Structure formats: structure tokens, C-alpha cells
Amino acid sequence: MTEPRRLEWRFDVSAAVELPGSHEIAVSVVAPAAFAQSGEGTVLCCLPGGSLSRRYWDLEVDGDRRFSFAEFMAARGFATVAIDHLGVGESSTPADGFALDPQRLARANQAALEQTLERLRKGDASEGLPPLGLLHSIGVGHSMGSCMTVVQQAHHAPHAAIVLLSFTTRYASAGLGSARK
């Protein structure tokens, strides 16, 4: 099996969050070496759970990548775009972390996804990345990442489908609905 292509990017999402200062989101892309040679492909936009970074989707234990969701999916023809929420992992943290409500996080993640897909579509000769053409997105979230996938899909509808893992609205607030007792 050919090793998948790995890319690491940071995108400015300052305009999307409407908070003072500069804000960047860290993104990892793991794609099959021959991704989208047909001119189209499917990208899994993966959001991790609370306190987890995007590395959750591409686990490596002592050099062993058998636990990597991203690598598993690359072997099946899918590209994985894993995003660090603002305030988590290698993404920037605003001065007031409490200002990061679900709507701001969803807007920031949407801005990062749009920039990622645009860069993949156009290609990047400096990274040996050919233009990929038409890309379809499937939102994949774990726990808090599932919640953020729902909010992002509700406000921006970027995905053709969504996959939600380990998610409840029982304790959710900020316009997600009231908890049932």
C-alpha cells in the first residue's frame, strides 16, 4: 500500500469569529496518494471531542498507525480533514476563551473548511498537490465535535451527509434545544 499524503495547514479565521485579535485554526489532511485523480473525491471533515485535538483522528502509538482513522479511510479512497477547534491543540486561543460559543466555533470551523477545500481544489505546486476539482464533504464528529458538526451543518450546510459519534444534547445550551427530563 502506498503511504497517504499528509499536509498540515493553518488558516486565518479572524473574520469569522468577530473577536479582537488574530485567530488561526490548525488543519491536518490525510489523503490517498492518488486522491481524486478522477476529478472528484470525498473529504471527511472530522471534528474531535472536547479537550481532544485533531490528532484523535490520526492516532499513532509508538510508531504504530493501526489506530489511525485517517489512514484507514485513506486506504479506502477518502481524504480526512481534521480540524483543531479554536482554543484546542495547535489552533490559537482567544484572550477570552469563554467567548467561544457554539456559533463562533462553527463559523471558525466553517471558514477553515472552506479554505481547506479551496486549497485542495486549486492544488499547490509547492507541495506537489495537483488541482483536485470537485470535492464532496461528509461531516464526522465525536462527542463535542458531533455537536459542532450539527451546529455547523445547521448554519452553513457544507456537508452532503453527517456522521455523529457519542453525542447527546442532554446538557446542551446556546440554542441547541432544551434538555428533556
Protein backbone atom coordinates (compact mmCIF):
# COMPACT_ATOMS: atom_id res chain seq x y z
CA MET A 1 0.00 0.00 0.00
CA THR A 2 1.22 3.49 -0.88
CA GLU A 3 1.67 5.86 2.04
CA PRO A 4 -1.05 8.50 2.21
CA ARG A 5 -0.25 12.15 1.54
CA ARG A 6 -0.08 14.25 4.73
CA LEU A 7 -0.50 18.02 4.80
CA GLU A 8 -0.52 20.44 7.75
CA TRP A 9 -2.01 23.92 7.33
CA ARG A 10 -3.08 26.89 9.43
CA PHE A 11 -5.86 29.22 8.30
CA ASP A 12 -6.80 32.70 9.48
CA VAL A 13 -10.43 32.62 10.66
CA SER A 14 -10.40 36.01 12.42
CA ALA A 15 -13.22 37.49 10.34
CA ALA A 16 -15.49 34.53 11.16
CA VAL A 17 -15.21 34.75 14.96
CA GLU A 18 -15.67 38.51 15.38
CA LEU A 19 -13.38 38.73 18.41
CA PRO A 20 -10.40 41.03 18.98
CA GLY A 21 -7.06 39.77 17.70
CA SER A 22 -5.90 37.26 15.15
CA HIS A 23 -7.30 33.72 15.21
CA GLU A 24 -5.99 30.68 13.36
CA ILE A 25 -7.18 27.10 13.03
CA ALA A 26 -4.77 24.19 12.54
CA VAL A 27 -5.82 21.59 9.96
CA SER A 28 -4.38 18.19 9.02
CA VAL A 29 -5.16 16.47 5.74
CA VAL A 30 -4.52 12.76 5.22
CA ALA A 31 -5.39 11.63 1.71
CA PRO A 32 -4.71 8.65 -0.54
CA ALA A 33 -1.65 9.25 -2.71
CA ALA A 34 -3.88 9.09 -5.81
CA PHE A 35 -6.77 11.05 -4.29
CA ALA A 36 -9.32 12.47 -6.72
CA GLN A 37 -7.50 11.54 -9.92
CA SER A 38 -10.96 11.13 -11.43
CA GLY A 39 -11.57 14.84 -10.86
CA GLU A 40 -13.75 14.39 -7.78
CA GLY A 41 -13.48 12.88 -4.34
CA THR A 42 -14.98 12.66 -0.87
CA VAL A 43 -13.49 14.52 2.06
CA LEU A 44 -14.34 13.56 5.65
CA CYS A 45 -14.35 16.73 7.77
CA CYS A 46 -13.53 15.41 11.24
CA LEU A 47 -14.08 17.39 14.43
CA PRO A 48 -12.74 15.96 17.72
CA GLY A 49 -14.48 15.85 21.08
CA GLY A 50 -13.94 18.35 23.88
CA SER A 51 -10.32 18.69 25.05
CA LEU A 52 -9.14 16.40 22.21
CA SER A 53 -7.09 17.67 19.31
CA ARG A 54 -7.35 16.80 15.62
CA ARG A 55 -4.69 14.12 16.28
CA TYR A 56 -7.54 12.00 17.68
CA TRP A 57 -8.41 11.13 14.07
CA ASP A 58 -4.83 10.12 13.17
CA LEU A 59 -3.56 8.26 16.23
CA GLU A 60 -0.04 6.92 16.31
CA VAL A 61 1.12 4.80 19.25
CA ASP A 62 4.85 4.07 19.40
CA GLY A 63 5.13 4.47 15.62
CA ASP A 64 2.14 2.20 15.02
CA ARG A 65 -0.63 3.78 12.92
CA ARG A 66 -3.07 0.86 13.07
CA PHE A 67 -5.26 3.07 15.28
CA SER A 68 -5.44 5.89 12.73
CA PHE A 69 -8.95 6.54 11.42
CA ALA A 70 -7.49 8.90 8.80
CA GLU A 71 -5.06 6.31 7.48
CA PHE A 72 -7.76 3.60 7.49
CA MET A 73 -10.04 5.85 5.45
CA ALA A 74 -7.22 6.87 3.07
CA ALA A 75 -6.71 3.17 2.27
CA ARG A 76 -10.38 3.17 1.20
CA GLY A 77 -10.13 6.25 -1.03
CA PHE A 78 -11.27 9.00 1.35
CA ALA A 79 -9.37 12.11 2.39
CA THR A 80 -9.64 13.18 6.03
CA VAL A 81 -9.57 16.84 7.04
CA ALA A 82 -9.11 17.03 10.82
CA ILE A 83 -9.61 20.41 12.45
CA ASP A 84 -8.48 21.72 15.84
CA HIS A 85 -11.27 23.88 17.29
CA LEU A 86 -10.17 27.35 18.38
CA GLY A 87 -8.68 27.09 21.86
CA VAL A 88 -7.62 23.46 21.35
CA GLY A 89 -4.47 21.75 20.07
CA GLU A 90 -2.42 23.89 17.70
CA SER A 91 -5.18 26.39 16.95
CA SER A 92 -4.98 29.81 18.55
CA THR A 93 -6.76 30.65 21.80
CA PRO A 94 -8.54 34.00 22.13
CA ALA A 95 -7.89 36.15 25.18
CA ASP A 96 -11.41 35.37 26.40
CA GLY A 97 -11.91 31.65 25.87
CA PHE A 98 -15.45 31.91 27.28
CA ALA A 99 -16.39 33.94 24.19
CA LEU A 100 -16.08 30.77 22.10
CA ASP A 101 -19.73 29.81 21.98
CA PRO A 102 -21.02 27.10 19.60
CA GLN A 103 -21.92 29.62 16.90
CA ARG A 104 -18.45 31.22 16.86
CA LEU A 105 -16.76 27.81 16.85
CA ALA A 106 -18.99 26.65 13.99
CA ARG A 107 -18.22 29.80 11.98
CA ALA A 108 -14.49 29.36 12.59
CA ASN A 109 -14.61 25.66 11.63
CA GLN A 110 -16.63 26.55 8.51
CA ALA A 111 -14.07 29.19 7.49
CA ALA A 112 -11.25 26.66 7.96
CA LEU A 113 -13.15 24.00 5.98
CA GLU A 114 -13.85 26.42 3.11
CA GLN A 115 -10.19 27.45 2.94
CA THR A 116 -9.06 23.82 3.08
CA LEU A 117 -11.41 22.70 0.30
CA GLU A 118 -10.43 25.69 -1.85
CA ARG A 119 -6.74 24.90 -1.44
CA LEU A 120 -7.35 21.24 -2.28
CA ARG A 121 -9.45 22.17 -5.34
CA LYS A 122 -6.84 24.59 -6.69
CA GLY A 123 -3.84 22.46 -5.79
CA ASP A 124 -0.48 23.68 -4.56
CA ALA A 125 2.56 23.14 -6.79
CA SER A 126 4.96 23.96 -3.91
CA GLU A 127 3.58 20.92 -2.04
CA GLY A 128 3.27 18.72 -5.13
CA LEU A 129 -0.51 18.83 -4.79
CA PRO A 130 -2.36 18.77 -8.13
CA PRO A 131 -5.74 20.52 -8.51
CA LEU A 132 -8.39 18.11 -7.27
CA GLY A 133 -11.55 19.52 -8.83
CA LEU A 134 -14.92 18.64 -7.32
CA LEU A 135 -14.91 17.60 -3.66
CA HIS A 136 -17.83 16.35 -1.59
CA SER A 137 -17.75 16.78 2.18
CA ILE A 138 -19.09 14.47 4.88
CA GLY A 139 -19.07 15.86 8.41
CA VAL A 140 -17.79 13.43 11.06
CA GLY A 141 -17.85 14.40 14.71
CA HIS A 142 -17.01 12.77 18.00
CA SER A 143 -18.76 13.97 21.18
CA MET A 144 -18.39 17.77 21.25
CA GLY A 145 -17.21 17.51 17.65
CA SER A 146 -20.60 15.95 16.84
CA CYS A 147 -22.34 18.89 18.47
CA MET A 148 -20.20 21.31 16.48
CA THR A 149 -20.88 19.35 13.27
CA VAL A 150 -24.63 19.73 13.89
CA VAL A 151 -24.31 23.49 14.56
CA GLN A 152 -22.07 23.97 11.52
CA GLN A 153 -24.44 21.96 9.29
CA ALA A 154 -27.48 23.85 10.61
CA HIS A 155 -25.97 27.26 9.88
CA HIS A 156 -23.83 26.60 6.78
CA ALA A 157 -24.89 23.21 5.29
CA PRO A 158 -21.40 22.34 3.97
CA HIS A 159 -21.80 18.55 4.07
CA ALA A 160 -23.62 16.08 1.85
CA ALA A 161 -24.07 13.90 4.96
CA ILE A 162 -23.02 13.84 8.62
CA VAL A 163 -21.85 11.05 10.94
CA LEU A 164 -22.25 11.72 14.67
CA LEU A 165 -20.43 9.60 17.26
CA SER A 166 -21.14 9.70 21.03
CA PHE A 167 -23.36 12.76 21.11
CA THR A 168 -26.18 13.96 23.33
CA THR A 169 -28.00 17.26 23.71
CA ARG A 170 -28.92 16.47 27.32
CA TYR A 171 -26.74 19.21 28.80
CA ALA A 172 -26.51 21.45 25.75
CA SER A 173 -27.47 25.09 25.74
CA ALA A 174 -26.85 28.02 23.42
CA GLY A 175 -29.81 27.40 21.16
CA LEU A 176 -29.43 23.66 20.68
CA GLY A 177 -32.73 22.91 22.42
CA SER A 178 -33.76 22.28 25.98
CA ALA A 179 -32.94 19.06 27.81
CA ARG A 180 -35.70 16.54 28.34
CA LYS A 181 -36.19 15.12 31.77
